[in-house]
PDB file of N, CA and C in Angstrom:
ATOM      1  N   MET A   1     -59.891 147.453 271.842  1.00  0.00           N
ATOM      2  CA  MET A   1     -59.840 148.627 272.691  1.00  0.00           C
ATOM      3  C   MET A   1     -60.775 149.661 272.122  1.00  0.00           C
ATOM      4  N   ALA A   2     -61.567 150.246 272.979  1.00  0.00           N
ATOM      5  CA  ALA A   2     -62.534 151.255 272.552  1.00  0.00           C
ATOM      6  C   ALA A   2     -61.815 152.533 272.138  1.00  0.00           C
ATOM      7  N   GLU A   3     -62.377 153.171 271.131  1.00  0.00           N
ATOM      8  CA  GLU A   3     -61.791 154.415 270.638  1.00  0.00           C
ATOM      9  C   GLU A   3     -62.254 155.562 271.521  1.00  0.00           C
ATOM     10  N   THR A   4     -61.307 156.304 272.045  1.00  0.00           N
ATOM     11  CA  THR A   4     -61.635 157.450 272.891  1.00  0.00           C
ATOM     12  C   THR A   4     -61.228 158.732 272.202  1.00  0.00           C
ATOM     13  N   ALA A   5     -61.584 159.848 272.793  1.00  0.00           N
ATOM     14  CA  ALA A   5     -61.234 161.145 272.205  1.00  0.00           C
ATOM     15  C   ALA A   5     -59.724 161.337 272.174  1.00  0.00           C
ATOM     16  N   GLY A   6     -58.996 160.678 273.059  1.00  0.00           N
ATOM     17  CA  GLY A   6     -57.553 160.850 273.113  1.00  0.00           C
ATOM     18  C   GLY A   6     -56.799 160.190 271.972  1.00  0.00           C
ATOM     19  N   ASN A   7     -57.340 159.098 271.425  1.00  0.00           N
ATOM     20  CA  ASN A   7     -56.614 158.411 270.357  1.00  0.00           C
ATOM     21  C   ASN A   7     -57.422 158.271 269.082  1.00  0.00           C
ATOM     22  N   ALA A   8     -58.491 159.019 268.920  1.00  0.00           N
ATOM     23  CA  ALA A   8     -59.333 158.909 267.734  1.00  0.00           C
ATOM     24  C   ALA A   8     -58.623 159.405 266.483  1.00  0.00           C
ATOM     25  N   HIS A   9     -57.681 160.332 266.620  1.00  0.00           N
ATOM     26  CA  HIS A   9     -57.014 160.906 265.460  1.00  0.00           C
ATOM     27  C   HIS A   9     -55.740 160.155 265.070  1.00  0.00           C
ATOM     28  N   ALA A  10     -55.399 159.098 265.777  1.00  0.00           N
ATOM     29  CA  ALA A  10     -54.133 158.405 265.523  1.00  0.00           C
ATOM     30  C   ALA A  10     -54.081 157.811 264.116  1.00  0.00           C
ATOM     31  N   GLU A  11     -55.198 157.362 263.595  1.00  0.00           N
ATOM     32  CA  GLU A  11     -55.238 156.765 262.261  1.00  0.00           C
ATOM     33  C   GLU A  11     -55.933 157.695 261.270  1.00  0.00           C
ATOM     34  N   ASP A  12     -55.850 158.993 261.488  1.00  0.00           N
ATOM     35  CA  ASP A  12     -56.497 159.974 260.628  1.00  0.00           C
ATOM     36  C   ASP A  12     -55.801 160.007 259.267  1.00  0.00           C
ATOM     37  N   PRO A  13     -56.533 159.802 258.182  1.00  0.00           N
ATOM     38  CA  PRO A  13     -55.909 159.822 256.852  1.00  0.00           C
ATOM     39  C   PRO A  13     -55.311 161.182 256.497  1.00  0.00           C
ATOM     40  N   PHE A  14     -55.857 162.259 257.021  1.00  0.00           N
ATOM     41  CA  PHE A  14     -55.307 163.585 256.737  1.00  0.00           C
ATOM     42  C   PHE A  14     -53.892 163.714 257.283  1.00  0.00           C
ATOM     43  N   ASN A  15     -53.648 163.215 258.492  1.00  0.00           N
ATOM     44  CA  ASN A  15     -52.297 163.267 259.068  1.00  0.00           C
ATOM     45  C   ASN A  15     -51.320 162.433 258.251  1.00  0.00           C
ATOM     46  N   GLU A  16     -51.776 161.292 257.776  1.00  0.00           N
ATOM     47  CA  GLU A  16     -50.921 160.454 256.933  1.00  0.00           C
ATOM     48  C   GLU A  16     -50.618 161.145 255.609  1.00  0.00           C
ATOM     49  N   ALA A  17     -51.609 161.837 255.042  1.00  0.00           N
ATOM     50  CA  ALA A  17     -51.403 162.544 253.779  1.00  0.00           C
ATOM     51  C   ALA A  17     -50.415 163.688 253.946  1.00  0.00           C
ATOM     52  N   VAL A  18     -50.497 164.402 255.062  1.00  0.00           N
ATOM     53  CA  VAL A  18     -49.571 165.510 255.317  1.00  0.00           C
ATOM     54  C   VAL A  18     -48.150 164.983 255.472  1.00  0.00           C
ATOM     55  N   ALA A  19     -47.986 163.892 256.186  1.00  0.00           N
ATOM     56  CA  ALA A  19     -46.657 163.307 256.372  1.00  0.00           C
ATOM     57  C   ALA A  19     -46.083 162.801 255.055  1.00  0.00           C
ATOM     58  N   THR A  20     -46.905 162.138 254.255  1.00  0.00           N
ATOM     59  CA  THR A  20     -46.453 161.628 252.970  1.00  0.00           C
ATOM     60  C   THR A  20     -46.088 162.769 252.028  1.00  0.00           C
ATOM     61  N   THR A  21     -46.879 163.821 252.030  1.00  0.00           N
ATOM     62  CA  THR A  21     -46.578 164.988 251.196  1.00  0.00           C
ATOM     63  C   THR A  21     -45.263 165.620 251.625  1.00  0.00           C
ATOM     64  N   GLY A  22     -45.037 165.720 252.921  1.00  0.00           N
ATOM     65  CA  GLY A  22     -43.773 166.273 253.423  1.00  0.00           C
ATOM     66  C   GLY A  22     -42.575 165.453 252.976  1.00  0.00           C
ATOM     67  N   LEU A  23     -42.698 164.141 253.044  1.00  0.00           N
ATOM     68  CA  LEU A  23     -41.596 163.276 252.600  1.00  0.00           C
ATOM     69  C   LEU A  23     -41.359 163.400 251.098  1.00  0.00           C
ATOM     70  N   PHE A  24     -42.441 163.444 250.318  1.00  0.00           N
ATOM     71  CA  PHE A  24     -42.315 163.599 248.873  1.00  0.00           C
ATOM     72  C   PHE A  24     -41.635 164.919 248.532  1.00  0.00           C
ATOM     73  N   LEU A  25     -42.005 165.995 249.206  1.00  0.00           N
ATOM     74  CA  LEU A  25     -41.395 167.290 248.948  1.00  0.00           C
ATOM     75  C   LEU A  25     -39.920 167.307 249.351  1.00  0.00           C
ATOM     76  N   LEU A  26     -39.581 166.615 250.422  1.00  0.00           N
ATOM     77  CA  LEU A  26     -38.189 166.559 250.843  1.00  0.00           C
ATOM     78  C   LEU A  26     -37.329 165.806 249.831  1.00  0.00           C
ATOM     79  N   VAL A  27     -37.841 164.705 249.303  1.00  0.00           N
ATOM     80  CA  VAL A  27     -37.106 163.966 248.274  1.00  0.00           C
ATOM     81  C   VAL A  27     -36.973 164.815 247.015  1.00  0.00           C
ATOM     82  N   THR A  28     -38.031 165.547 246.670  1.00  0.00           N
ATOM     83  CA  THR A  28     -37.981 166.444 245.519  1.00  0.00           C
ATOM     84  C   THR A  28     -36.912 167.516 245.717  1.00  0.00           C
ATOM     85  N   ALA A  29     -36.816 168.055 246.919  1.00  0.00           N
ATOM     86  CA  ALA A  29     -35.810 169.075 247.205  1.00  0.00           C
ATOM     87  C   ALA A  29     -34.398 168.514 247.064  1.00  0.00           C
ATOM     88  N   ILE A  30     -34.179 167.300 247.513  1.00  0.00           N
ATOM     89  CA  ILE A  30     -32.853 166.687 247.410  1.00  0.00           C
ATOM     90  C   ILE A  30     -32.471 166.468 245.948  1.00  0.00           C
ATOM     91  N   ILE A  31     -33.414 165.990 245.153  1.00  0.00           N
ATOM     92  CA  ILE A  31     -33.143 165.779 243.734  1.00  0.00           C
ATOM     93  C   ILE A  31     -32.890 167.114 243.040  1.00  0.00           C
ATOM     94  N   ALA A  32     -33.658 168.141 243.403  1.00  0.00           N
ATOM     95  CA  ALA A  32     -33.477 169.458 242.783  1.00  0.00           C
ATOM     96  C   ALA A  32     -32.126 170.064 243.143  1.00  0.00           C
ATOM     97  N   VAL A  33     -31.642 169.848 244.360  1.00  0.00           N
ATOM     98  CA  VAL A  33     -30.307 170.340 244.737  1.00  0.00           C
ATOM     99  C   VAL A  33     -29.237 169.639 243.903  1.00  0.00           C
ATOM    100  N   ALA A  34     -29.379 168.336 243.737  1.00  0.00           N
ATOM    101  CA  ALA A  34     -28.409 167.601 242.918  1.00  0.00           C
ATOM    102  C   ALA A  34     -28.445 168.102 241.475  1.00  0.00           C
ATOM    103  N   PHE A  35     -29.631 168.346 240.973  1.00  0.00           N
ATOM    104  CA  PHE A  35     -29.772 168.859 239.601  1.00  0.00           C
ATOM    105  C   PHE A  35     -29.181 170.261 239.487  1.00  0.00           C
ATOM    106  N   ALA A  36     -29.368 171.093 240.501  1.00  0.00           N
ATOM    107  CA  ALA A  36     -28.813 172.449 240.486  1.00  0.00           C
ATOM    108  C   ALA A  36     -27.291 172.413 240.504  1.00  0.00           C
ATOM    109  N   LEU A  37     -26.725 171.561 241.333  1.00  0.00           N
ATOM    110  CA  LEU A  37     -25.267 171.461 241.392  1.00  0.00           C
ATOM    111  C   LEU A  37     -24.686 170.932 240.085  1.00  0.00           C
ATOM    112  N   ALA A  38     -25.357 169.956 239.485  1.00  0.00           N
ATOM    113  CA  ALA A  38     -24.882 169.423 238.214  1.00  0.00           C
ATOM    114  C   ALA A  38     -24.991 170.479 237.110  1.00  0.00           C
ATOM    115  N   SER A  39     -26.075 171.231 237.105  1.00  0.00           N
ATOM    116  CA  SER A  39     -26.247 172.277 236.089  1.00  0.00           C
ATOM    117  C   SER A  39     -25.227 173.387 236.276  1.00  0.00           C
ATOM    118  N   TRP A  40     -24.938 173.715 237.514  1.00  0.00           N
ATOM    119  CA  TRP A  40     -23.955 174.756 237.795  1.00  0.00           C
ATOM    120  C   TRP A  40     -22.563 174.306 237.339  1.00  0.00           C
ATOM    121  N   GLY A  41     -22.276 173.032 237.544  1.00  0.00           N
ATOM    122  CA  GLY A  41     -20.996 172.484 237.113  1.00  0.00           C
ATOM    123  C   GLY A  41     -20.842 172.474 235.600  1.00  0.00           C
ATOM    124  N   LEU A  42     -21.949 172.407 234.888  1.00  0.00           N
ATOM    125  CA  LEU A  42     -21.924 172.430 233.423  1.00  0.00           C
ATOM    126  C   LEU A  42     -22.079 173.840 232.871  1.00  0.00           C
ATOM    127  N   SER A  43     -22.013 174.846 233.732  1.00  0.00           N
ATOM    128  CA  SER A  43     -22.131 176.262 233.366  1.00  0.00           C
ATOM    129  C   SER A  43     -23.491 176.618 232.788  1.00  0.00           C
ATOM    130  N   GLU A  44     -24.513 175.917 233.211  1.00  0.00           N
ATOM    131  CA  GLU A  44     -25.893 176.240 232.842  1.00  0.00           C
ATOM    132  C   GLU A  44     -26.507 177.020 233.998  1.00  0.00           C
ATOM    133  N   THR A  45     -26.200 178.316 234.058  1.00  0.00           N
ATOM    134  CA  THR A  45     -26.547 179.129 235.211  1.00  0.00           C
ATOM    135  C   THR A  45     -28.056 179.260 235.399  1.00  0.00           C
ATOM    136  N   LEU A  46     -28.789 179.520 234.334  1.00  0.00           N
ATOM    137  CA  LEU A  46     -30.236 179.704 234.447  1.00  0.00           C
ATOM    138  C   LEU A  46     -30.910 178.434 234.953  1.00  0.00           C
ATOM    139  N   LEU A  47     -30.513 177.295 234.424  1.00  0.00           N
ATOM    140  CA  LEU A  47     -31.085 176.025 234.863  1.00  0.00           C
ATOM    141  C   LEU A  47     -30.717 175.733 236.322  1.00  0.00           C
ATOM    142  N   ALA A  48     -29.504 176.090 236.710  1.00  0.00           N
ATOM    143  CA  ALA A  48     -29.083 175.887 238.095  1.00  0.00           C
ATOM    144  C   ALA A  48     -29.897 176.762 239.043  1.00  0.00           C
ATOM    145  N   VAL A  49     -30.160 178.001 238.646  1.00  0.00           N
ATOM    146  CA  VAL A  49     -30.951 178.904 239.490  1.00  0.00           C
ATOM    147  C   VAL A  49     -32.386 178.397 239.604  1.00  0.00           C
ATOM    148  N   LEU A  50     -32.963 177.957 238.504  1.00  0.00           N
ATOM    149  CA  LEU A  50     -34.329 177.435 238.549  1.00  0.00           C
ATOM    150  C   LEU A  50     -34.424 176.175 239.418  1.00  0.00           C
ATOM    151  N   ALA A  51     -33.482 175.282 239.275  1.00  0.00           N
ATOM    152  CA  ALA A  51     -33.487 174.067 240.091  1.00  0.00           C
ATOM    153  C   ALA A  51     -33.258 174.406 241.563  1.00  0.00           C
ATOM    154  N   GLY A  52     -32.410 175.397 241.827  1.00  0.00           N
ATOM    155  CA  GLY A  52     -32.197 175.831 243.209  1.00  0.00           C
ATOM    156  C   GLY A  52     -33.456 176.436 243.810  1.00  0.00           C
ATOM    157  N   ALA A  53     -34.189 177.194 242.996  1.00  0.00           N
ATOM    158  CA  ALA A  53     -35.447 177.772 243.481  1.00  0.00           C
ATOM    159  C   ALA A  53     -36.471 176.678 243.782  1.00  0.00           C
ATOM    160  N   VAL A  54     -36.540 175.677 242.927  1.00  0.00           N
ATOM    161  CA  VAL A  54     -37.441 174.543 243.174  1.00  0.00           C
ATOM    162  C   VAL A  54     -37.040 173.827 244.463  1.00  0.00           C
ATOM    163  N   ALA A  55     -35.738 173.668 244.677  1.00  0.00           N
ATOM    164  CA  ALA A  55     -35.257 173.006 245.892  1.00  0.00           C
ATOM    165  C   ALA A  55     -35.642 173.799 247.140  1.00  0.00           C
ATOM    166  N   LEU A  56     -35.471 175.114 247.089  1.00  0.00           N
ATOM    167  CA  LEU A  56     -35.823 175.936 248.249  1.00  0.00           C
ATOM    168  C   LEU A  56     -37.312 175.902 248.554  1.00  0.00           C
ATOM    169  N   VAL A  57     -38.129 176.008 247.526  1.00  0.00           N
ATOM    170  CA  VAL A  57     -39.581 175.986 247.728  1.00  0.00           C
ATOM    171  C   VAL A  57     -40.031 174.616 248.236  1.00  0.00           C
ATOM    172  N   SER A  58     -39.493 173.555 247.663  1.00  0.00           N
ATOM    173  CA  SER A  58     -39.856 172.205 248.103  1.00  0.00           C
ATOM    174  C   SER A  58     -39.431 171.955 249.545  1.00  0.00           C
ATOM    175  N   PHE A  59     -38.238 172.404 249.892  1.00  0.00           N
ATOM    176  CA  PHE A  59     -37.769 172.206 251.263  1.00  0.00           C
ATOM    177  C   PHE A  59     -38.624 172.997 252.256  1.00  0.00           C
ATOM    178  N   ALA A  60     -38.932 174.242 251.916  1.00  0.00           N
ATOM    179  CA  ALA A  60     -39.765 175.057 252.804  1.00  0.00           C
ATOM    180  C   ALA A  60     -41.161 174.455 252.958  1.00  0.00           C
ATOM    181  N   ALA A  61     -41.721 173.945 251.871  1.00  0.00           N
ATOM    182  CA  ALA A  61     -43.045 173.328 251.945  1.00  0.00           C
ATOM    183  C   ALA A  61     -43.008 172.041 252.771  1.00  0.00           C
ATOM    184  N   SER A  62     -41.929 171.273 252.669  1.00  0.00           N
ATOM    185  CA  SER A  62     -41.837 170.052 253.468  1.00  0.00           C
ATOM    186  C   SER A  62     -41.718 170.374 254.952  1.00  0.00           C
ATOM    187  N   ILE A  63     -40.958 171.411 255.277  1.00  0.00           N
ATOM    188  CA  ILE A  63     -40.866 171.822 256.679  1.00  0.00           C
ATOM    189  C   ILE A  63     -42.219 172.288 257.188  1.00  0.00           C
ATOM    190  N   PHE A  64     -42.966 172.999 256.342  1.00  0.00           N
ATOM    191  CA  PHE A  64     -44.312 173.430 256.718  1.00  0.00           C
ATOM    192  C   PHE A  64     -45.210 172.225 256.981  1.00  0.00           C
ATOM    193  N   CYS A  65     -45.133 171.194 256.130  1.00  0.00           N
ATOM    194  CA  CYS A  65     -45.937 169.988 256.332  1.00  0.00           C
ATOM    195  C   CYS A  65     -45.571 169.287 257.639  1.00  0.00           C
ATOM    196  N   PHE A  66     -44.276 169.159 257.907  1.00  0.00           N
ATOM    197  CA  PHE A  66     -43.853 168.496 259.142  1.00  0.00           C
ATOM    198  C   PHE A  66     -44.252 169.309 260.367  1.00  0.00           C
ATOM    199  N   THR A  67     -44.202 170.633 260.271  1.00  0.00           N
ATOM    200  CA  THR A  67     -44.618 171.478 261.388  1.00  0.00           C
ATOM    201  C   THR A  67     -46.114 171.350 261.625  1.00  0.00           C
ATOM    202  N   ALA A  68     -46.892 171.326 260.551  1.00  0.00           N
ATOM    203  CA  ALA A  68     -48.343 171.179 260.687  1.00  0.00           C
ATOM    204  C   ALA A  68     -48.696 169.846 261.331  1.00  0.00           C
ATOM    205  N   GLN A  69     -47.968 168.803 260.984  1.00  0.00           N
ATOM    206  CA  GLN A  69     -48.239 167.499 261.580  1.00  0.00           C
ATOM    207  C   GLN A  69     -47.784 167.453 263.039  1.00  0.00           C
ATOM    208  N   ALA A  70     -46.711 168.144 263.359  1.00  0.00           N
ATOM    209  CA  ALA A  70     -46.179 168.110 264.723  1.00  0.00           C
ATOM    210  C   ALA A  70     -47.100 168.806 265.702  1.00  0.00           C
ATOM    211  N   HIS A  71     -47.914 169.735 265.237  1.00  0.00           N
ATOM    212  CA  HIS A  71     -48.821 170.443 266.138  1.00  0.00           C
ATOM    213  C   HIS A  71     -50.084 169.659 266.451  1.00  0.00           C
ATOM    214  N   GLU A  72     -50.250 168.501 265.820  1.00  0.00           N
ATOM    215  CA  GLU A  72     -51.372 167.646 266.142  1.00  0.00           C
ATOM    216  C   GLU A  72     -51.123 167.030 267.522  1.00  0.00           C
ATOM    217  N   PRO A  73     -52.143 166.938 268.360  1.00  0.00           N
ATOM    218  CA  PRO A  73     -51.936 166.338 269.687  1.00  0.00           C
ATOM    219  C   PRO A  73     -51.565 164.865 269.563  1.00  0.00           C
ATOM    220  N   ALA A  74     -50.669 164.431 270.394  1.00  0.00           N
ATOM    221  CA  ALA A  74     -50.207 163.050 270.367  1.00  0.00           C
ATOM    222  C   ALA A  74     -51.300 162.118 270.871  1.00  0.00           C
ATOM    223  N   ALA A  75     -51.309 160.912 270.332  1.00  0.00           N
ATOM    224  CA  ALA A  75     -52.273 159.930 270.773  1.00  0.00           C
ATOM    225  C   ALA A  75     -51.911 159.432 272.165  1.00  0.00           C
ATOM    226  N   VAL A  76     -52.883 159.381 273.021  1.00  0.00           N
ATOM    227  CA  VAL A  76     -52.673 158.929 274.386  1.00  0.00           C
ATOM    228  C   VAL A  76     -53.385 157.585 274.537  1.00  0.00           C
ATOM    229  N   GLU A  77     -52.610 156.574 274.862  1.00  0.00           N
ATOM    230  CA  GLU A  77     -53.201 155.252 275.036  1.00  0.00           C
ATOM    231  C   GLU A  77     -53.642 155.099 276.485  1.00  0.00           C
ATOM    232  N   ILE A  78     -54.892 154.777 276.651  1.00  0.00           N
ATOM    233  CA  ILE A  78     -55.448 154.625 277.993  1.00  0.00           C
ATOM    234  C   ILE A  78     -55.678 153.137 278.234  1.00  0.00           C
ATOM    235  N   SER A  79     -54.991 152.596 279.223  1.00  0.00           N
ATOM    236  CA  SER A  79     -55.174 151.181 279.528  1.00  0.00           C
ATOM    237  C   SER A  79     -56.099 151.056 280.733  1.00  0.00           C
ATOM    238  N   ALA A  80     -56.961 150.071 280.648  1.00  0.00           N
ATOM    239  CA  ALA A  80     -57.939 149.871 281.729  1.00  0.00           C
ATOM    240  C   ALA A  80     -57.542 148.759 282.627  1.00  0.00           C
TER     241      ALA A  80
END
C-alpha cells in the first residue's frame, strides 16, 4: 500500500518514543508511591515526602506525554 499524507506518521519513531517515555514515567510513579507509603509506615517522613514528590512529578510528566501523543492526528487508512 502506498504511503499517503494521511498515514505517513503512523510509524513515526518520535510518537513511539513519547508513548514509551509516558509508560516508563507511569511505572516510575507507581514504584515511587509504593516507596513513599513504605517510608511513611517506617516513620521516615523526609524520605516519604521526597518519594511522594518524585511520584507526583513522574505522574504529571506521563500525563503530559500521553496528552502530547493524543493530539497527533490519527492514521487514516485509505483503501482503493
